[in-house]
Amino acid sequence: MFESKNILITGAGRGIGRALAIAFAKEGAFVGCLARTHEEVFSTVKDIEISGGSAEALIADVSDFDSVSKSISSFGSSHQCIDILFLNAGISADRERLENSNPANWKKVIDVNLIGAYYCSFAALPYLKKANHAKIITIGSGLGHSGEVGNSAYCVSKAGLWMLTKVLGEELKPHQISVNELIPGPVKTYQSSQRSNDPNDSLFDPNKEWIKEPDDVIPLAFFLASQPPQGPSSQTFSLTRRKI
């Protein structure tokens, strides 16, 4: 389905990013797996190659512009273009009200989830423009649309990511580059493990929500990545059951 496509995925060392990297490689894409942790990203690449796919490990901290720019420029230059960019890298902070928050931790969430997405987009744009109808897919959150008490840093970062999605979608229309947000809803990942094990957390209540495995996100990712040039842009696509 994605033969000859060059796909770059941030946060590809584990969770949703890892699942997407393996899935797209199985469909014939060459996947750039970008993550901060050496062992995790090379594990993803190894699994892809064992299965007969093609991938490249890119070690970078998305909150460090020089690191990101170097890695993405190297990937883009080697492959002439980037067809699809997944902005997936993200972290969360301790759940506490803003007045009790740690300013350094609060800022770190913004730096990774929002500023990191900006850095990656900025670095990738010259190579996205060289592709034929490229796509950017941001991994958002319903909490970026509705907010949640005690989770201000994460909610604000994802709200900013949603607005970045909308603005980029408008700016890149002349280049026929579509930009859309994919909201997975609650997924069992390392990042969400503490919440998913809390019986009082309504967000992970199986009676109210579909609690997904990372692989459950793949079909919607394939759908967005395979839309025609005149397809949707600046839109949100969600796997949540609740209203966004």
C-alpha atoms as a PDB file:
ATOM      1  CA  MET A   1       0.000   0.000   0.000  1.00  0.00           C
ATOM      2  CA  PHE A   2       2.858   2.392   0.799  1.00  0.00           C
ATOM      3  CA  GLU A   3       5.599   1.087  -1.464  1.00  0.00           C
ATOM      4  CA  SER A   4       8.259   3.691  -2.317  1.00  0.00           C
ATOM      5  CA  LYS A   5       6.983   6.049   0.385  1.00  0.00           C
ATOM      6  CA  ASN A   6       9.406   7.647   2.829  1.00  0.00           C
ATOM      7  CA  ILE A   7       7.722   7.971   6.204  1.00  0.00           C
ATOM      8  CA  LEU A   8       9.174   9.679   9.264  1.00  0.00           C
ATOM      9  CA  ILE A   9       7.672   8.863  12.664  1.00  0.00           C
ATOM     10  CA  THR A  10       8.668  10.637  15.869  1.00  0.00           C
ATOM     11  CA  GLY A  11       8.439   8.791  19.160  1.00  0.00           C
ATOM     12  CA  ALA A  12       8.972   5.537  17.272  1.00  0.00           C
ATOM     13  CA  GLY A  13      10.730   3.727  20.086  1.00  0.00           C
ATOM     14  CA  ARG A  14       7.618   2.455  21.822  1.00  0.00           C
ATOM     15  CA  GLY A  15       3.844   2.634  22.060  1.00  0.00           C
ATOM     16  CA  ILE A  16       1.855   4.053  19.162  1.00  0.00           C
ATOM     17  CA  GLY A  17       4.947   5.249  17.302  1.00  0.00           C
ATOM     18  CA  ARG A  18       6.532   1.814  17.350  1.00  0.00           C
ATOM     19  CA  ALA A  19       3.293   0.168  16.205  1.00  0.00           C
ATOM     20  CA  LEU A  20       2.953   2.623  13.321  1.00  0.00           C
ATOM     21  CA  ALA A  21       6.562   2.171  12.243  1.00  0.00           C
ATOM     22  CA  ILE A  22       6.273  -1.610  12.079  1.00  0.00           C
ATOM     23  CA  ALA A  23       2.893  -1.472  10.322  1.00  0.00           C
ATOM     24  CA  PHE A  24       3.941   0.981   7.604  1.00  0.00           C
ATOM     25  CA  ALA A  25       7.177  -0.910   6.978  1.00  0.00           C
ATOM     26  CA  LYS A  26       5.157  -4.090   6.429  1.00  0.00           C
ATOM     27  CA  GLU A  27       3.233  -2.202   3.753  1.00  0.00           C
ATOM     28  CA  GLY A  28       6.408  -1.373   1.854  1.00  0.00           C
ATOM     29  CA  ALA A  29       7.363   2.051   3.208  1.00  0.00           C
ATOM     30  CA  PHE A  30      10.878   3.060   4.167  1.00  0.00           C
ATOM     31  CA  VAL A  31      10.456   4.275   7.742  1.00  0.00           C
ATOM     32  CA  GLY A  32      12.599   6.774   9.581  1.00  0.00           C
ATOM     33  CA  CYS A  33      12.207   5.896  13.254  1.00  0.00           C
ATOM     34  CA  LEU A  34      13.034   8.930  15.362  1.00  0.00           C
ATOM     35  CA  ALA A  35      13.297   8.739  19.137  1.00  0.00           C
ATOM     36  CA  ARG A  36      15.493   9.893  21.977  1.00  0.00           C
ATOM     37  CA  THR A  37      16.316   6.506  23.511  1.00  0.00           C
ATOM     38  CA  HIS A  38      18.939   4.570  21.556  1.00  0.00           C
ATOM     39  CA  GLU A  39      17.931   1.088  22.713  1.00  0.00           C
ATOM     40  CA  GLU A  40      14.239   1.566  21.979  1.00  0.00           C
ATOM     41  CA  VAL A  41      14.552   3.005  18.502  1.00  0.00           C
ATOM     42  CA  PHE A  42      17.102   0.409  17.407  1.00  0.00           C
ATOM     43  CA  SER A  43      14.785  -2.301  18.752  1.00  0.00           C
ATOM     44  CA  THR A  44      12.014  -0.975  16.502  1.00  0.00           C
ATOM     45  CA  VAL A  45      14.316  -0.917  13.480  1.00  0.00           C
ATOM     46  CA  LYS A  46      15.590  -4.420  14.225  1.00  0.00           C
ATOM     47  CA  ASP A  47      12.049  -5.827  14.373  1.00  0.00           C
ATOM     48  CA  ILE A  48      11.210  -4.130  11.078  1.00  0.00           C
ATOM     49  CA  GLU A  49      14.278  -5.533   9.354  1.00  0.00           C
ATOM     50  CA  ILE A  50      13.722  -9.035  10.737  1.00  0.00           C
ATOM     51  CA  SER A  51      10.276  -8.930   9.119  1.00  0.00           C
ATOM     52  CA  GLY A  52      11.785  -7.945   5.786  1.00  0.00           C
ATOM     53  CA  GLY A  53      11.053  -4.235   5.987  1.00  0.00           C
ATOM     54  CA  SER A  54      13.309  -1.217   5.614  1.00  0.00           C
ATOM     55  CA  ALA A  55      13.940   1.359   8.308  1.00  0.00           C
ATOM     56  CA  GLU A  56      16.497   3.772   9.683  1.00  0.00           C
ATOM     57  CA  ALA A  57      17.136   4.760  13.296  1.00  0.00           C
ATOM     58  CA  LEU A  58      17.276   8.494  13.976  1.00  0.00           C
ATOM     59  CA  ILE A  59      18.407   9.476  17.470  1.00  0.00           C
ATOM     60  CA  ALA A  60      17.101  12.898  18.464  1.00  0.00           C
ATOM     61  CA  ASP A  61      15.371  14.751  21.278  1.00  0.00           C
ATOM     62  CA  VAL A  62      12.440  16.562  19.672  1.00  0.00           C
ATOM     63  CA  SER A  63      12.770  19.414  22.181  1.00  0.00           C
ATOM     64  CA  ASP A  64      16.317  20.115  20.925  1.00  0.00           C
ATOM     65  CA  PHE A  65      16.145  21.947  17.601  1.00  0.00           C
ATOM     66  CA  ASP A  66      19.729  21.258  16.550  1.00  0.00           C
ATOM     67  CA  SER A  67      19.314  17.539  17.251  1.00  0.00           C
ATOM     68  CA  VAL A  68      16.031  17.329  15.353  1.00  0.00           C
ATOM     69  CA  SER A  69      17.206  19.437  12.435  1.00  0.00           C
ATOM     70  CA  LYS A  70      20.326  17.339  11.942  1.00  0.00           C
ATOM     71  CA  SER A  71      18.449  14.010  12.027  1.00  0.00           C
ATOM     72  CA  ILE A  72      15.571  15.061   9.799  1.00  0.00           C
ATOM     73  CA  SER A  73      17.822  16.830   7.294  1.00  0.00           C
ATOM     74  CA  SER A  74      19.977  13.716   7.060  1.00  0.00           C
ATOM     75  CA  PHE A  75      16.930  11.519   6.440  1.00  0.00           C
ATOM     76  CA  GLY A  76      15.363  13.907   3.940  1.00  0.00           C
ATOM     77  CA  SER A  77      18.580  14.419   2.008  1.00  0.00           C
ATOM     78  CA  SER A  78      19.263  10.688   1.805  1.00  0.00           C
ATOM     79  CA  HIS A  79      15.796   9.899   0.453  1.00  0.00           C
ATOM     80  CA  GLN A  80      15.181  13.113  -1.548  1.00  0.00           C
ATOM     81  CA  CYS A  81      11.789  13.672   0.078  1.00  0.00           C
ATOM     82  CA  ILE A  82       9.525  12.870   3.012  1.00  0.00           C
ATOM     83  CA  ASP A  83       6.090  11.645   1.935  1.00  0.00           C
ATOM     84  CA  ILE A  84       4.444  11.343   5.341  1.00  0.00           C
ATOM     85  CA  LEU A  85       5.392  12.841   8.705  1.00  0.00           C
ATOM     86  CA  PHE A  86       3.843  11.514  11.912  1.00  0.00           C
ATOM     87  CA  LEU A  87       4.218  13.920  14.831  1.00  0.00           C
ATOM     88  CA  ASN A  88       3.755  11.366  17.575  1.00  0.00           C
ATOM     89  CA  ALA A  89       6.403  12.093  20.229  1.00  0.00           C
ATOM     90  CA  GLY A  90       4.866  13.156  23.510  1.00  0.00           C
ATOM     91  CA  ILE A  91       5.100  13.029  27.279  1.00  0.00           C
ATOM     92  CA  SER A  92       2.795  13.741  30.196  1.00  0.00           C
ATOM     93  CA  ALA A  93       3.319  15.380  33.577  1.00  0.00           C
ATOM     94  CA  ASP A  94       2.231  14.488  37.088  1.00  0.00           C
ATOM     95  CA  ARG A  95      -1.495  15.052  37.484  1.00  0.00           C
ATOM     96  CA  GLU A  96      -1.923  18.003  39.806  1.00  0.00           C
ATOM     97  CA  ARG A  97      -3.616  21.363  39.765  1.00  0.00           C
ATOM     98  CA  LEU A  98      -1.716  24.226  38.222  1.00  0.00           C
ATOM     99  CA  GLU A  99      -1.074  25.924  41.573  1.00  0.00           C
ATOM    100  CA  ASN A 100       0.724  22.786  42.775  1.00  0.00           C
ATOM    101  CA  SER A 101       2.610  22.112  39.553  1.00  0.00           C
ATOM    102  CA  ASN A 102       6.355  22.115  39.013  1.00  0.00           C
ATOM    103  CA  PRO A 103       7.194  24.909  36.533  1.00  0.00           C
ATOM    104  CA  ALA A 104      10.147  23.026  35.045  1.00  0.00           C
ATOM    105  CA  ASN A 105       8.073  19.876  34.484  1.00  0.00           C
ATOM    106  CA  TRP A 106       5.183  21.925  33.078  1.00  0.00           C
ATOM    107  CA  LYS A 107       7.497  23.607  30.576  1.00  0.00           C
ATOM    108  CA  LYS A 108       9.067  20.276  29.589  1.00  0.00           C
ATOM    109  CA  VAL A 109       5.678  18.930  28.487  1.00  0.00           C
ATOM    110  CA  ILE A 110       5.147  21.987  26.287  1.00  0.00           C
ATOM    111  CA  ASP A 111       8.686  21.712  24.930  1.00  0.00           C
ATOM    112  CA  VAL A 112       8.225  18.086  23.856  1.00  0.00           C
ATOM    113  CA  ASN A 113       4.571  17.945  22.822  1.00  0.00           C
ATOM    114  CA  LEU A 114       4.196  21.327  21.126  1.00  0.00           C
ATOM    115  CA  ILE A 115       7.567  22.956  20.501  1.00  0.00           C
ATOM    116  CA  GLY A 116       8.937  19.574  19.438  1.00  0.00           C
ATOM    117  CA  ALA A 117       6.167  19.237  16.862  1.00  0.00           C
ATOM    118  CA  TYR A 118       7.015  22.705  15.562  1.00  0.00           C
ATOM    119  CA  TYR A 119      10.718  21.860  15.350  1.00  0.00           C
ATOM    120  CA  CYS A 120      10.030  18.620  13.467  1.00  0.00           C
ATOM    121  CA  SER A 121       7.599  20.302  11.078  1.00  0.00           C
ATOM    122  CA  PHE A 122      10.017  23.151  10.416  1.00  0.00           C
ATOM    123  CA  ALA A 123      12.889  20.777   9.688  1.00  0.00           C
ATOM    124  CA  ALA A 124      10.800  18.442   7.526  1.00  0.00           C
ATOM    125  CA  LEU A 125       8.965  21.003   5.385  1.00  0.00           C
ATOM    126  CA  PRO A 126      11.630  21.383   2.665  1.00  0.00           C
ATOM    127  CA  TYR A 127      11.503  17.611   2.111  1.00  0.00           C
ATOM    128  CA  LEU A 128       7.720  17.357   2.380  1.00  0.00           C
ATOM    129  CA  LYS A 129       7.445  19.958  -0.386  1.00  0.00           C
ATOM    130  CA  LYS A 130       9.597  17.768  -2.634  1.00  0.00           C
ATOM    131  CA  ALA A 131       7.156  14.859  -2.294  1.00  0.00           C
ATOM    132  CA  ASN A 132       4.069  14.272  -4.380  1.00  0.00           C
ATOM    133  CA  HIS A 133       1.130  15.346  -2.192  1.00  0.00           C
ATOM    134  CA  ALA A 134       2.793  14.854   1.200  1.00  0.00           C
ATOM    135  CA  LYS A 135       0.959  14.447   4.482  1.00  0.00           C
ATOM    136  CA  ILE A 136       1.493  15.460   8.091  1.00  0.00           C
ATOM    137  CA  ILE A 137      -0.441  13.550  10.729  1.00  0.00           C
ATOM    138  CA  THR A 138      -0.336  14.807  14.295  1.00  0.00           C
ATOM    139  CA  ILE A 139      -1.166  12.485  17.172  1.00  0.00           C
ATOM    140  CA  GLY A 140      -3.466  14.613  19.270  1.00  0.00           C
ATOM    141  CA  SER A 141      -5.725  14.131  22.252  1.00  0.00           C
ATOM    142  CA  GLY A 142      -9.322  14.784  23.145  1.00  0.00           C
ATOM    143  CA  LEU A 143      -7.946  16.571  26.203  1.00  0.00           C
ATOM    144  CA  GLY A 144      -6.566  19.194  23.842  1.00  0.00           C
ATOM    145  CA  HIS A 145     -10.148  20.008  22.859  1.00  0.00           C
ATOM    146  CA  SER A 146     -11.940  19.696  26.198  1.00  0.00           C
ATOM    147  CA  GLY A 147      -9.358  20.078  28.989  1.00  0.00           C
ATOM    148  CA  GLU A 148      -9.089  18.173  32.255  1.00  0.00           C
ATOM    149  CA  VAL A 149      -8.669  19.308  35.848  1.00  0.00           C
ATOM    150  CA  GLY A 150      -5.185  18.554  37.154  1.00  0.00           C
ATOM    151  CA  ASN A 151      -3.673  18.022  33.711  1.00  0.00           C
ATOM    152  CA  SER A 152      -3.025  21.552  32.484  1.00  0.00           C
ATOM    153  CA  ALA A 153       0.375  21.081  30.853  1.00  0.00           C
ATOM    154  CA  TYR A 154      -0.702  18.111  28.746  1.00  0.00           C
ATOM    155  CA  CYS A 155      -4.031  19.690  27.784  1.00  0.00           C
ATOM    156  CA  VAL A 156      -2.421  22.980  26.789  1.00  0.00           C
ATOM    157  CA  SER A 157       0.287  21.211  24.781  1.00  0.00           C
ATOM    158  CA  LYS A 158      -2.269  19.168  22.854  1.00  0.00           C
ATOM    159  CA  ALA A 159      -4.529  22.190  22.328  1.00  0.00           C
ATOM    160  CA  GLY A 160      -1.553  23.970  20.811  1.00  0.00           C
ATOM    161  CA  LEU A 161      -0.786  20.947  18.651  1.00  0.00           C
ATOM    162  CA  TRP A 162      -4.357  20.979  17.339  1.00  0.00           C
ATOM    163  CA  MET A 163      -4.055  24.659  16.406  1.00  0.00           C
ATOM    164  CA  LEU A 164      -0.688  23.980  14.773  1.00  0.00           C
ATOM    165  CA  THR A 165      -2.444  21.274  12.743  1.00  0.00           C
ATOM    166  CA  LYS A 166      -5.128  23.706  11.585  1.00  0.00           C
ATOM    167  CA  VAL A 167      -2.716  26.504  10.723  1.00  0.00           C
ATOM    168  CA  LEU A 168      -0.254  24.244   8.916  1.00  0.00           C
ATOM    169  CA  GLY A 169      -3.110  22.714   6.961  1.00  0.00           C
ATOM    170  CA  GLU A 170      -4.105  26.148   5.691  1.00  0.00           C
ATOM    171  CA  GLU A 171      -0.539  27.299   5.010  1.00  0.00           C
ATOM    172  CA  LEU A 172       0.358  24.174   3.053  1.00  0.00           C
ATOM    173  CA  LYS A 173      -2.734  23.931   0.843  1.00  0.00           C
ATOM    174  CA  PRO A 174      -0.913  25.637  -2.061  1.00  0.00           C
ATOM    175  CA  HIS A 175       1.672  22.851  -1.874  1.00  0.00           C
ATOM    176  CA  GLN A 176      -1.016  20.124  -1.757  1.00  0.00           C
ATOM    177  CA  ILE A 177       0.231  18.944   1.632  1.00  0.00           C
ATOM    178  CA  SER A 178      -2.560  17.802   3.921  1.00  0.00           C
ATOM    179  CA  VAL A 179      -2.320  18.104   7.695  1.00  0.00           C
ATOM    180  CA  ASN A 180      -4.720  16.263   9.992  1.00  0.00           C
ATOM    181  CA  GLU A 181      -5.000  15.309  13.646  1.00  0.00           C
ATOM    182  CA  LEU A 182      -5.474  11.705  14.731  1.00  0.00           C
ATOM    183  CA  ILE A 183      -6.891  11.337  18.246  1.00  0.00           C
ATOM    184  CA  PRO A 184      -6.362   7.759  19.465  1.00  0.00           C
ATOM    185  CA  GLY A 185      -8.255   8.079  22.734  1.00  0.00           C
ATOM    186  CA  PRO A 186      -7.064   5.975  25.673  1.00  0.00           C
ATOM    187  CA  VAL A 187      -4.335   3.541  24.625  1.00  0.00           C
ATOM    188  CA  LYS A 188      -2.367   1.122  26.779  1.00  0.00           C
ATOM    189  CA  THR A 189       1.148   2.537  26.595  1.00  0.00           C
ATOM    190  CA  TYR A 190       4.031   3.142  28.979  1.00  0.00           C
ATOM    191  CA  GLN A 191       2.943   6.766  29.276  1.00  0.00           C
ATOM    192  CA  SER A 192      -0.635   5.899  30.228  1.00  0.00           C
ATOM    193  CA  SER A 193       0.142   2.915  32.476  1.00  0.00           C
ATOM    194  CA  GLN A 194      -0.452   4.771  35.740  1.00  0.00           C
ATOM    195  CA  ARG A 195      -3.834   6.073  34.621  1.00  0.00           C
ATOM    196  CA  SER A 196      -4.972   2.811  33.047  1.00  0.00           C
ATOM    197  CA  ASN A 197      -4.363   1.004  36.342  1.00  0.00           C
ATOM    198  CA  ASP A 198      -6.451   3.490  38.340  1.00  0.00           C
ATOM    199  CA  PRO A 199      -9.999   2.098  38.784  1.00  0.00           C
ATOM    200  CA  ASN A 200     -11.290   5.598  39.566  1.00  0.00           C
ATOM    201  CA  ASP A 201     -10.013   7.162  36.347  1.00  0.00           C
ATOM    202  CA  SER A 202     -13.068   7.696  34.133  1.00  0.00           C
ATOM    203  CA  LEU A 203     -10.921   8.225  31.040  1.00  0.00           C
ATOM    204  CA  PHE A 204      -9.849   4.570  31.244  1.00  0.00           C
ATOM    205  CA  ASP A 205     -13.227   3.179  32.306  1.00  0.00           C
ATOM    206  CA  PRO A 206     -13.887   0.261  29.893  1.00  0.00           C
ATOM    207  CA  ASN A 207     -17.623   0.794  30.359  1.00  0.00           C
ATOM    208  CA  LYS A 208     -17.329   4.269  28.875  1.00  0.00           C
ATOM    209  CA  GLU A 209     -14.376   4.067  26.520  1.00  0.00           C
ATOM    210  CA  TRP A 210     -12.609   1.713  24.140  1.00  0.00           C
ATOM    211  CA  ILE A 211      -9.275   1.026  25.830  1.00  0.00           C
ATOM    212  CA  LYS A 212      -7.003   0.296  22.902  1.00  0.00           C
ATOM    213  CA  GLU A 213      -3.722  -1.417  22.199  1.00  0.00           C
ATOM    214  CA  PRO A 214      -1.255   0.589  20.052  1.00  0.00           C
ATOM    215  CA  ASP A 215      -2.040  -1.621  17.037  1.00  0.00           C
ATOM    216  CA  ASP A 216      -5.683  -0.503  17.175  1.00  0.00           C
ATOM    217  CA  VAL A 217      -4.605   2.931  15.971  1.00  0.00           C
ATOM    218  CA  ILE A 218      -3.113   1.563  12.738  1.00  0.00           C
ATOM    219  CA  PRO A 219      -6.292   1.397  10.572  1.00  0.00           C
ATOM    220  CA  LEU A 220      -7.094   5.085  11.059  1.00  0.00           C
ATOM    221  CA  ALA A 221      -3.446   5.994  10.453  1.00  0.00           C
ATOM    222  CA  PHE A 222      -3.527   4.024   7.185  1.00  0.00           C
ATOM    223  CA  PHE A 223      -6.761   5.779   6.207  1.00  0.00           C
ATOM    224  CA  LEU A 224      -5.322   9.253   6.733  1.00  0.00           C
ATOM    225  CA  ALA A 225      -2.006   8.390   5.103  1.00  0.00           C
ATOM    226  CA  SER A 226      -3.749   7.106   1.966  1.00  0.00           C
ATOM    227  CA  GLN A 227      -6.169   9.979   1.331  1.00  0.00           C
ATOM    228  CA  PRO A 228      -6.083  11.602  -2.129  1.00  0.00           C
ATOM    229  CA  PRO A 229      -4.557  15.067  -2.701  1.00  0.00           C
ATOM    230  CA  GLN A 230      -8.010  16.652  -2.602  1.00  0.00           C
ATOM    231  CA  GLY A 231      -8.817  14.846   0.645  1.00  0.00           C
ATOM    232  CA  PRO A 232      -9.365  16.342   4.096  1.00  0.00           C
ATOM    233  CA  SER A 233      -6.966  18.771   5.732  1.00  0.00           C
ATOM    234  CA  SER A 234      -6.981  20.795   8.967  1.00  0.00           C
ATOM    235  CA  GLN A 235      -9.400  18.194  10.352  1.00  0.00           C
ATOM    236  CA  THR A 236      -9.635  15.989  13.439  1.00  0.00           C
ATOM    237  CA  PHE A 237     -10.238  12.236  13.238  1.00  0.00           C
ATOM    238  CA  SER A 238     -10.959  10.488  16.510  1.00  0.00           C
ATOM    239  CA  LEU A 239     -11.183   6.943  17.861  1.00  0.00           C
ATOM    240  CA  THR A 240     -12.775   8.097  21.113  1.00  0.00           C
ATOM    241  CA  ARG A 241     -16.332   7.249  22.071  1.00  0.00           C
ATOM    242  CA  ARG A 242     -16.817  10.447  24.054  1.00  0.00           C
ATOM    243  CA  LYS A 243     -17.434  13.831  22.489  1.00  0.00           C
ATOM    244  CA  ILE A 244     -14.348  15.881  21.762  1.00  0.00           C
END
